[in-house]
Amino acid sequence: MRLHSFKHPRRQQGLAMVEFTLALPVLLLLLLALGEFGRMLYQYNVLLQASRDADRFVASQAWNSTLGAVSLSNTLQTQTKNVAVYGVPSQTGTPVISGLTANNVVVAAVGTDHVRVTITFTFCPVIGGGNCTGSLPGFFGNPIALSIPLVATTVMRAL
């Protein structure tokens, strides 16, 4: 048997370039999606750490030994919110995440000896221009919203 060679090898020239051109947008979309997912995980990790720091701060100061229970004054709640947002009890510096405010933080007593700090933040990917009002069209069904809520909650026993 004899092997047949291509009759027209010039027809194959440039075929790899066409395949690369077709595959490149898909690969770039996957790369951007992976980068956005990593950025979202990073922001969630920062929120969780801020929640822990704020809860540790309030847990060390909320215990009222005369009452035998947790006592959250307005000043302590404000300082705790500042610790969650700025990292310090006073309202100075820049937020740990751009766009995070004290309104995103909730400080509450759980029972008589625990305190809870909850931070709610909306993640906005760069793909939508940084605003959370847009959405991606869905191929089947409803469009996909670009805003993703991130919630970090920490509960600690008051010391």
N, C-alpha and C. Protein backbone atom coordinates (compact mmCIF):
# COMPACT_ATOMS: atom_id res chain seq x y z
N MET A 1 0.83 -1.17 0.00
CA MET A 1 0.00 0.00 0.00
C MET A 1 0.88 1.23 0.00
N ARG A 2 0.39 2.17 -0.58
CA ARG A 2 1.15 3.39 -0.71
C ARG A 2 0.39 4.53 -0.04
N LEU A 3 1.12 5.41 0.65
CA LEU A 3 0.51 6.54 1.34
C LEU A 3 0.23 7.64 0.35
N HIS A 4 -0.94 8.21 0.50
CA HIS A 4 -1.29 9.33 -0.37
C HIS A 4 -0.91 10.63 0.32
N SER A 5 -0.23 11.45 -0.37
CA SER A 5 0.12 12.76 0.18
C SER A 5 -0.97 13.76 -0.23
N PHE A 6 -0.96 14.87 0.48
CA PHE A 6 -1.93 15.90 0.13
C PHE A 6 -1.63 16.39 -1.28
N LYS A 7 -2.69 16.54 -2.03
CA LYS A 7 -2.49 17.03 -3.39
C LYS A 7 -2.19 18.52 -3.39
N HIS A 8 -2.83 19.21 -2.43
CA HIS A 8 -2.64 20.66 -2.39
C HIS A 8 -2.23 21.07 -0.97
N PRO A 9 -0.96 20.97 -0.61
CA PRO A 9 -0.54 21.34 0.74
C PRO A 9 -0.73 22.84 1.02
N ARG A 10 -0.87 23.64 0.01
CA ARG A 10 -1.03 25.08 0.22
C ARG A 10 -2.40 25.39 0.81
N ARG A 11 -3.36 24.48 0.66
CA ARG A 11 -4.70 24.70 1.23
C ARG A 11 -4.65 24.67 2.75
N GLN A 12 -3.68 23.99 3.33
CA GLN A 12 -3.56 23.86 4.77
C GLN A 12 -2.83 25.05 5.40
N GLN A 13 -2.21 25.88 4.61
CA GLN A 13 -1.48 27.02 5.15
C GLN A 13 -2.46 28.02 5.76
N GLY A 14 -2.18 28.46 6.98
CA GLY A 14 -3.02 29.44 7.64
C GLY A 14 -4.18 28.85 8.42
N LEU A 15 -4.35 27.54 8.36
CA LEU A 15 -5.46 26.92 9.08
C LEU A 15 -5.26 27.02 10.59
N ALA A 16 -4.05 26.90 11.06
CA ALA A 16 -3.78 27.03 12.50
C ALA A 16 -4.10 28.45 12.97
N MET A 17 -3.82 29.44 12.14
CA MET A 17 -4.13 30.82 12.51
C MET A 17 -5.64 31.03 12.62
N VAL A 18 -6.40 30.44 11.76
CA VAL A 18 -7.87 30.55 11.82
C VAL A 18 -8.39 29.87 13.08
N GLU A 19 -7.89 28.69 13.40
CA GLU A 19 -8.32 28.00 14.61
C GLU A 19 -7.94 28.79 15.86
N PHE A 20 -6.76 29.38 15.87
CA PHE A 20 -6.34 30.20 17.00
C PHE A 20 -7.23 31.43 17.15
N THR A 21 -7.60 32.03 16.03
CA THR A 21 -8.47 33.21 16.06
C THR A 21 -9.85 32.86 16.60
N LEU A 22 -10.32 31.67 16.32
CA LEU A 22 -11.63 31.25 16.84
C LEU A 22 -11.56 30.87 18.32
N ALA A 23 -10.45 30.32 18.75
CA ALA A 23 -10.34 29.86 20.14
C ALA A 23 -9.91 30.97 21.10
N LEU A 24 -9.25 32.01 20.62
CA LEU A 24 -8.72 33.06 21.48
C LEU A 24 -9.79 33.79 22.30
N PRO A 25 -10.92 34.21 21.72
CA PRO A 25 -11.93 34.89 22.56
C PRO A 25 -12.46 34.01 23.68
N VAL A 26 -12.64 32.74 23.43
CA VAL A 26 -13.14 31.84 24.47
C VAL A 26 -12.11 31.70 25.58
N LEU A 27 -10.84 31.57 25.22
CA LEU A 27 -9.78 31.46 26.23
C LEU A 27 -9.64 32.75 27.04
N LEU A 28 -9.76 33.90 26.39
CA LEU A 28 -9.68 35.17 27.12
C LEU A 28 -10.86 35.34 28.06
N LEU A 29 -12.06 34.93 27.63
CA LEU A 29 -13.23 35.01 28.49
C LEU A 29 -13.06 34.13 29.72
N LEU A 30 -12.53 32.93 29.54
CA LEU A 30 -12.27 32.06 30.68
C LEU A 30 -11.22 32.65 31.62
N LEU A 31 -10.20 33.27 31.06
CA LEU A 31 -9.15 33.89 31.87
C LEU A 31 -9.71 35.05 32.68
N LEU A 32 -10.54 35.90 32.06
CA LEU A 32 -11.14 37.02 32.78
C LEU A 32 -12.10 36.53 33.86
N ALA A 33 -12.88 35.50 33.56
CA ALA A 33 -13.81 34.96 34.56
C ALA A 33 -13.05 34.39 35.74
N LEU A 34 -11.95 33.72 35.49
CA LEU A 34 -11.13 33.18 36.57
C LEU A 34 -10.53 34.30 37.41
N GLY A 35 -10.08 35.36 36.77
CA GLY A 35 -9.55 36.51 37.50
C GLY A 35 -10.60 37.19 38.36
N GLU A 36 -11.82 37.34 37.84
CA GLU A 36 -12.91 37.95 38.62
C GLU A 36 -13.30 37.07 39.79
N PHE A 37 -13.29 35.77 39.60
CA PHE A 37 -13.62 34.85 40.69
C PHE A 37 -12.56 34.96 41.79
N GLY A 38 -11.31 35.06 41.41
CA GLY A 38 -10.24 35.24 42.39
C GLY A 38 -10.36 36.56 43.13
N ARG A 39 -10.75 37.62 42.43
CA ARG A 39 -10.94 38.92 43.08
C ARG A 39 -12.10 38.87 44.06
N MET A 40 -13.16 38.15 43.70
CA MET A 40 -14.31 38.00 44.59
C MET A 40 -13.91 37.24 45.85
N LEU A 41 -13.15 36.16 45.70
CA LEU A 41 -12.68 35.41 46.87
C LEU A 41 -11.78 36.26 47.76
N TYR A 42 -10.94 37.08 47.15
CA TYR A 42 -10.07 37.96 47.92
C TYR A 42 -10.90 38.95 48.74
N GLN A 43 -11.91 39.57 48.10
CA GLN A 43 -12.74 40.53 48.83
C GLN A 43 -13.54 39.85 49.94
N TYR A 44 -14.01 38.63 49.70
CA TYR A 44 -14.72 37.91 50.76
C TYR A 44 -13.78 37.61 51.93
N ASN A 45 -12.54 37.24 51.62
CA ASN A 45 -11.56 36.97 52.67
C ASN A 45 -11.27 38.24 53.49
N VAL A 46 -11.18 39.39 52.83
CA VAL A 46 -10.96 40.65 53.54
C VAL A 46 -12.16 40.97 54.43
N LEU A 47 -13.38 40.73 53.92
CA LEU A 47 -14.59 40.97 54.72
C LEU A 47 -14.62 40.06 55.94
N LEU A 48 -14.28 38.80 55.75
CA LEU A 48 -14.29 37.86 56.86
C LEU A 48 -13.26 38.24 57.92
N GLN A 49 -12.09 38.68 57.50
CA GLN A 49 -11.07 39.11 58.45
C GLN A 49 -11.51 40.38 59.19
N ALA A 50 -12.15 41.31 58.47
CA ALA A 50 -12.66 42.53 59.12
C ALA A 50 -13.75 42.19 60.12
N SER A 51 -14.58 41.21 59.79
CA SER A 51 -15.64 40.77 60.71
C SER A 51 -15.03 40.15 61.96
N ARG A 52 -14.00 39.35 61.81
CA ARG A 52 -13.33 38.74 62.96
C ARG A 52 -12.69 39.80 63.85
N ASP A 53 -12.00 40.77 63.22
CA ASP A 53 -11.35 41.81 64.01
C ASP A 53 -12.36 42.64 64.79
N ALA A 54 -13.46 43.00 64.13
CA ALA A 54 -14.49 43.80 64.80
C ALA A 54 -15.16 43.00 65.91
N ASP A 55 -15.40 41.71 65.67
CA ASP A 55 -16.04 40.89 66.70
C ASP A 55 -15.10 40.68 67.89
N ARG A 56 -13.82 40.52 67.62
CA ARG A 56 -12.85 40.39 68.70
C ARG A 56 -12.79 41.69 69.52
N PHE A 57 -12.89 42.83 68.84
CA PHE A 57 -12.88 44.12 69.53
C PHE A 57 -14.10 44.26 70.43
N VAL A 58 -15.29 43.98 69.89
CA VAL A 58 -16.51 44.16 70.68
C VAL A 58 -16.61 43.10 71.78
N ALA A 59 -16.11 41.90 71.53
CA ALA A 59 -16.17 40.85 72.55
C ALA A 59 -15.30 41.18 73.75
N SER A 60 -14.23 41.92 73.52
CA SER A 60 -13.35 42.28 74.63
C SER A 60 -13.89 43.43 75.47
N GLN A 61 -14.89 44.16 74.96
CA GLN A 61 -15.37 45.34 75.68
C GLN A 61 -16.86 45.31 76.00
N ALA A 62 -17.60 44.32 75.53
CA ALA A 62 -19.06 44.33 75.67
C ALA A 62 -19.55 43.71 76.97
N TRP A 63 -18.72 42.97 77.68
CA TRP A 63 -19.19 42.27 78.87
C TRP A 63 -19.38 43.24 80.03
N ASN A 64 -20.58 43.24 80.60
CA ASN A 64 -20.88 44.06 81.77
C ASN A 64 -20.94 43.13 82.97
N SER A 65 -19.93 43.21 83.83
CA SER A 65 -19.84 42.26 84.94
C SER A 65 -20.91 42.49 86.00
N THR A 66 -21.42 43.70 86.13
CA THR A 66 -22.48 43.94 87.12
C THR A 66 -23.80 43.33 86.68
N LEU A 67 -24.07 43.35 85.37
CA LEU A 67 -25.30 42.74 84.85
C LEU A 67 -25.13 41.25 84.61
N GLY A 68 -23.91 40.83 84.36
CA GLY A 68 -23.67 39.43 84.01
C GLY A 68 -24.14 39.11 82.61
N ALA A 69 -24.11 40.11 81.73
CA ALA A 69 -24.57 39.93 80.35
C ALA A 69 -23.84 40.92 79.45
N VAL A 70 -24.08 40.77 78.16
CA VAL A 70 -23.49 41.66 77.16
C VAL A 70 -24.26 42.97 77.16
N SER A 71 -23.53 44.07 77.11
CA SER A 71 -24.13 45.40 77.06
C SER A 71 -23.50 46.16 75.90
N LEU A 72 -24.30 46.46 74.88
CA LEU A 72 -23.80 47.16 73.69
C LEU A 72 -24.30 48.60 73.70
N SER A 73 -23.42 49.53 74.02
CA SER A 73 -23.79 50.94 73.97
C SER A 73 -23.68 51.44 72.53
N ASN A 74 -24.26 52.61 72.27
CA ASN A 74 -24.17 53.19 70.93
C ASN A 74 -22.73 53.51 70.56
N THR A 75 -21.96 53.98 71.53
CA THR A 75 -20.55 54.29 71.27
C THR A 75 -19.77 53.03 70.91
N LEU A 76 -20.01 51.95 71.63
CA LEU A 76 -19.32 50.69 71.34
C LEU A 76 -19.72 50.14 69.98
N GLN A 77 -20.99 50.27 69.62
CA GLN A 77 -21.43 49.81 68.30
C GLN A 77 -20.78 50.63 67.20
N THR A 78 -20.70 51.95 67.38
CA THR A 78 -20.06 52.81 66.38
C THR A 78 -18.58 52.48 66.25
N GLN A 79 -17.90 52.28 67.37
CA GLN A 79 -16.48 51.93 67.32
C GLN A 79 -16.29 50.57 66.64
N THR A 80 -17.18 49.63 66.91
CA THR A 80 -17.07 48.31 66.29
C THR A 80 -17.27 48.40 64.78
N LYS A 81 -18.23 49.21 64.36
CA LYS A 81 -18.45 49.40 62.92
C LYS A 81 -17.22 50.05 62.27
N ASN A 82 -16.60 50.99 62.97
CA ASN A 82 -15.39 51.61 62.44
C ASN A 82 -14.24 50.61 62.36
N VAL A 83 -14.13 49.71 63.33
CA VAL A 83 -13.09 48.67 63.27
C VAL A 83 -13.34 47.77 62.06
N ALA A 84 -14.60 47.45 61.79
CA ALA A 84 -14.92 46.60 60.64
C ALA A 84 -14.62 47.30 59.32
N VAL A 85 -14.89 48.59 59.24
CA VAL A 85 -14.72 49.31 57.98
C VAL A 85 -13.30 49.82 57.79
N TYR A 86 -12.74 50.46 58.83
CA TYR A 86 -11.44 51.12 58.70
C TYR A 86 -10.29 50.37 59.36
N GLY A 87 -10.60 49.45 60.26
CA GLY A 87 -9.56 48.71 60.95
C GLY A 87 -9.16 49.33 62.27
N VAL A 88 -9.70 50.51 62.59
CA VAL A 88 -9.41 51.20 63.85
C VAL A 88 -10.73 51.71 64.44
N PRO A 89 -10.80 51.92 65.77
CA PRO A 89 -12.06 52.37 66.38
C PRO A 89 -12.51 53.77 65.96
N SER A 90 -11.58 54.62 65.55
CA SER A 90 -11.97 55.95 65.09
C SER A 90 -12.23 55.92 63.59
N GLN A 91 -13.01 56.87 63.13
CA GLN A 91 -13.39 56.90 61.72
C GLN A 91 -12.32 57.63 60.92
N THR A 92 -11.16 57.00 60.78
CA THR A 92 -10.06 57.59 60.03
C THR A 92 -9.49 56.56 59.07
N GLY A 93 -8.87 57.05 58.02
CA GLY A 93 -8.24 56.15 57.06
C GLY A 93 -9.16 55.80 55.91
N THR A 94 -8.76 54.79 55.19
CA THR A 94 -9.55 54.33 54.04
C THR A 94 -10.20 53.00 54.39
N PRO A 95 -11.36 52.72 53.81
CA PRO A 95 -12.02 51.44 54.08
C PRO A 95 -11.17 50.26 53.60
N VAL A 96 -11.35 49.11 54.25
CA VAL A 96 -10.58 47.92 53.87
C VAL A 96 -10.95 47.46 52.47
N ILE A 97 -12.18 47.74 52.05
CA ILE A 97 -12.62 47.48 50.68
C ILE A 97 -13.28 48.75 50.17
N SER A 98 -12.95 49.16 48.97
CA SER A 98 -13.54 50.36 48.40
C SER A 98 -15.06 50.20 48.30
N GLY A 99 -15.78 51.17 48.85
CA GLY A 99 -17.24 51.13 48.82
C GLY A 99 -17.87 50.60 50.09
N LEU A 100 -17.08 50.08 51.02
CA LEU A 100 -17.62 49.57 52.28
C LEU A 100 -17.88 50.74 53.22
N THR A 101 -19.07 50.76 53.83
CA THR A 101 -19.44 51.82 54.77
C THR A 101 -19.91 51.20 56.08
N ALA A 102 -20.11 52.04 57.08
CA ALA A 102 -20.59 51.56 58.38
C ALA A 102 -22.02 51.05 58.28
N ASN A 103 -22.76 51.48 57.27
CA ASN A 103 -24.13 50.98 57.08
C ASN A 103 -24.16 49.51 56.68
N ASN A 104 -23.04 48.98 56.18
CA ASN A 104 -22.96 47.58 55.79
C ASN A 104 -22.70 46.66 56.98
N VAL A 105 -22.47 47.22 58.16
CA VAL A 105 -22.09 46.43 59.34
C VAL A 105 -23.23 46.42 60.35
N VAL A 106 -23.53 45.23 60.88
CA VAL A 106 -24.55 45.07 61.93
C VAL A 106 -23.88 44.41 63.13
N VAL A 107 -24.03 45.05 64.29
CA VAL A 107 -23.49 44.52 65.55
C VAL A 107 -24.68 44.18 66.44
N ALA A 108 -24.72 42.94 66.95
CA ALA A 108 -25.86 42.52 67.77
C ALA A 108 -25.40 41.56 68.85
N ALA A 109 -26.16 41.53 69.93
CA ALA A 109 -25.92 40.57 71.00
C ALA A 109 -26.70 39.30 70.70
N VAL A 110 -26.07 38.15 70.94
CA VAL A 110 -26.72 36.86 70.75
C VAL A 110 -26.80 36.21 72.13
N GLY A 111 -28.01 36.13 72.65
CA GLY A 111 -28.16 35.61 74.00
C GLY A 111 -27.60 36.59 75.01
N THR A 112 -27.08 36.06 76.10
CA THR A 112 -26.54 36.94 77.15
C THR A 112 -25.03 37.03 77.16
N ASP A 113 -24.34 36.14 76.40
CA ASP A 113 -22.88 36.16 76.49
C ASP A 113 -22.16 36.07 75.15
N HIS A 114 -22.87 36.25 74.04
CA HIS A 114 -22.22 36.23 72.73
C HIS A 114 -22.54 37.52 71.97
N VAL A 115 -21.63 37.91 71.10
CA VAL A 115 -21.85 39.06 70.21
C VAL A 115 -21.61 38.61 68.77
N ARG A 116 -22.36 39.22 67.86
CA ARG A 116 -22.27 38.87 66.44
C ARG A 116 -22.02 40.13 65.62
N VAL A 117 -21.09 40.03 64.67
CA VAL A 117 -20.82 41.10 63.72
C VAL A 117 -21.06 40.54 62.33
N THR A 118 -21.93 41.20 61.57
CA THR A 118 -22.26 40.78 60.21
C THR A 118 -21.94 41.92 59.26
N ILE A 119 -21.18 41.62 58.22
CA ILE A 119 -20.86 42.60 57.19
C ILE A 119 -21.47 42.11 55.88
N THR A 120 -22.28 42.96 55.27
CA THR A 120 -22.90 42.65 53.99
C THR A 120 -22.33 43.61 52.95
N PHE A 121 -21.84 43.07 51.85
CA PHE A 121 -21.21 43.88 50.80
C PHE A 121 -21.60 43.30 49.44
N THR A 122 -21.81 44.16 48.47
CA THR A 122 -22.16 43.72 47.13
C THR A 122 -20.92 43.77 46.25
N PHE A 123 -20.53 42.61 45.73
CA PHE A 123 -19.36 42.52 44.84
C PHE A 123 -19.79 42.92 43.43
N CYS A 124 -19.04 43.82 42.83
CA CYS A 124 -19.31 44.27 41.46
C CYS A 124 -18.11 43.92 40.59
N PRO A 125 -18.27 43.03 39.63
CA PRO A 125 -17.12 42.67 38.78
C PRO A 125 -16.74 43.80 37.84
N VAL A 126 -15.50 43.80 37.41
CA VAL A 126 -15.00 44.81 36.50
C VAL A 126 -15.63 44.65 35.11
N ILE A 127 -16.09 43.46 34.80
CA ILE A 127 -16.66 43.18 33.48
C ILE A 127 -17.82 44.12 33.18
N GLY A 128 -18.65 44.42 34.17
CA GLY A 128 -19.80 45.29 33.97
C GLY A 128 -19.47 46.76 34.10
N GLY A 129 -18.23 47.13 34.03
CA GLY A 129 -17.84 48.52 34.15
C GLY A 129 -17.76 48.98 35.60
N GLY A 130 -17.81 48.05 36.55
CA GLY A 130 -17.70 48.41 37.95
C GLY A 130 -19.01 48.80 38.60
N ASN A 131 -20.11 48.89 37.82
CA ASN A 131 -21.40 49.19 38.44
C ASN A 131 -22.22 47.92 38.50
N CYS A 132 -23.08 47.84 39.48
CA CYS A 132 -23.84 46.61 39.71
C CYS A 132 -25.23 46.64 39.10
N THR A 133 -25.48 47.58 38.21
CA THR A 133 -26.82 47.69 37.65
C THR A 133 -27.01 46.81 36.43
N GLY A 134 -25.95 46.35 35.82
CA GLY A 134 -26.06 45.58 34.59
C GLY A 134 -26.27 44.10 34.82
N SER A 135 -26.44 43.39 33.72
CA SER A 135 -26.58 41.93 33.78
C SER A 135 -26.10 41.35 32.46
N LEU A 136 -25.72 40.09 32.52
CA LEU A 136 -25.32 39.37 31.32
C LEU A 136 -26.53 38.64 30.75
N PRO A 137 -26.71 38.67 29.44
CA PRO A 137 -27.87 37.96 28.89
C PRO A 137 -27.72 36.45 29.07
N GLY A 138 -28.78 35.82 29.49
CA GLY A 138 -28.77 34.37 29.66
C GLY A 138 -29.14 33.69 28.36
N PHE A 139 -28.47 32.62 28.03
CA PHE A 139 -28.80 31.89 26.81
C PHE A 139 -30.15 31.21 26.93
N PHE A 140 -30.42 30.67 28.12
CA PHE A 140 -31.69 30.02 28.38
C PHE A 140 -32.25 30.60 29.67
N GLY A 141 -33.37 31.26 29.62
CA GLY A 141 -33.98 31.77 30.84
C GLY A 141 -33.64 33.22 31.10
N ASN A 142 -33.58 33.57 32.37
CA ASN A 142 -33.41 34.95 32.81
C ASN A 142 -31.96 35.41 32.67
N PRO A 143 -31.76 36.73 32.55
CA PRO A 143 -30.38 37.25 32.51
C PRO A 143 -29.68 37.04 33.86
N ILE A 144 -28.36 37.04 33.82
CA ILE A 144 -27.54 36.79 35.00
C ILE A 144 -27.12 38.14 35.58
N ALA A 145 -27.51 38.40 36.83
CA ALA A 145 -27.17 39.67 37.49
C ALA A 145 -25.67 39.72 37.77
N LEU A 146 -25.10 40.90 37.64
CA LEU A 146 -23.66 41.06 37.89
C LEU A 146 -23.35 41.32 39.36
N SER A 147 -24.33 41.73 40.14
CA SER A 147 -24.08 41.99 41.56
C SER A 147 -24.18 40.69 42.35
N ILE A 148 -23.16 40.44 43.15
CA ILE A 148 -23.11 39.22 43.96
C ILE A 148 -22.99 39.63 45.42
N PRO A 149 -23.98 39.30 46.26
CA PRO A 149 -23.89 39.69 47.67
C PRO A 149 -22.90 38.80 48.43
N LEU A 150 -22.03 39.45 49.19
CA LEU A 150 -21.08 38.75 50.05
C LEU A 150 -21.45 39.06 51.50
N VAL A 151 -21.59 38.03 52.32
CA VAL A 151 -21.96 38.21 53.73
C VAL A 151 -20.94 37.49 54.59
N ALA A 152 -20.32 38.23 55.51
CA ALA A 152 -19.36 37.65 56.45
C ALA A 152 -19.91 37.84 57.86
N THR A 153 -20.10 36.74 58.58
CA THR A 153 -20.66 36.78 59.93
C THR A 153 -19.72 36.07 60.89
N THR A 154 -19.50 36.69 62.04
CA THR A 154 -18.68 36.09 63.09
C THR A 154 -19.39 36.23 64.42
N VAL A 155 -19.40 35.15 65.20
CA VAL A 155 -19.98 35.16 66.55
C VAL A 155 -18.89 34.76 67.53
N MET A 156 -18.74 35.55 68.61
CA MET A 156 -17.75 35.25 69.65
C MET A 156 -18.36 35.45 71.03
N ARG A 157 -17.81 34.76 71.99
CA ARG A 157 -18.24 34.92 73.38
C ARG A 157 -17.58 36.16 73.96
N ALA A 158 -18.37 36.96 74.65
CA ALA A 158 -17.84 38.16 75.29
C ALA A 158 -16.91 37.77 76.43
N LEU A 159 -15.81 38.47 76.54
CA LEU A 159 -14.80 38.15 77.55
C LEU A 159 -14.98 38.96 78.80
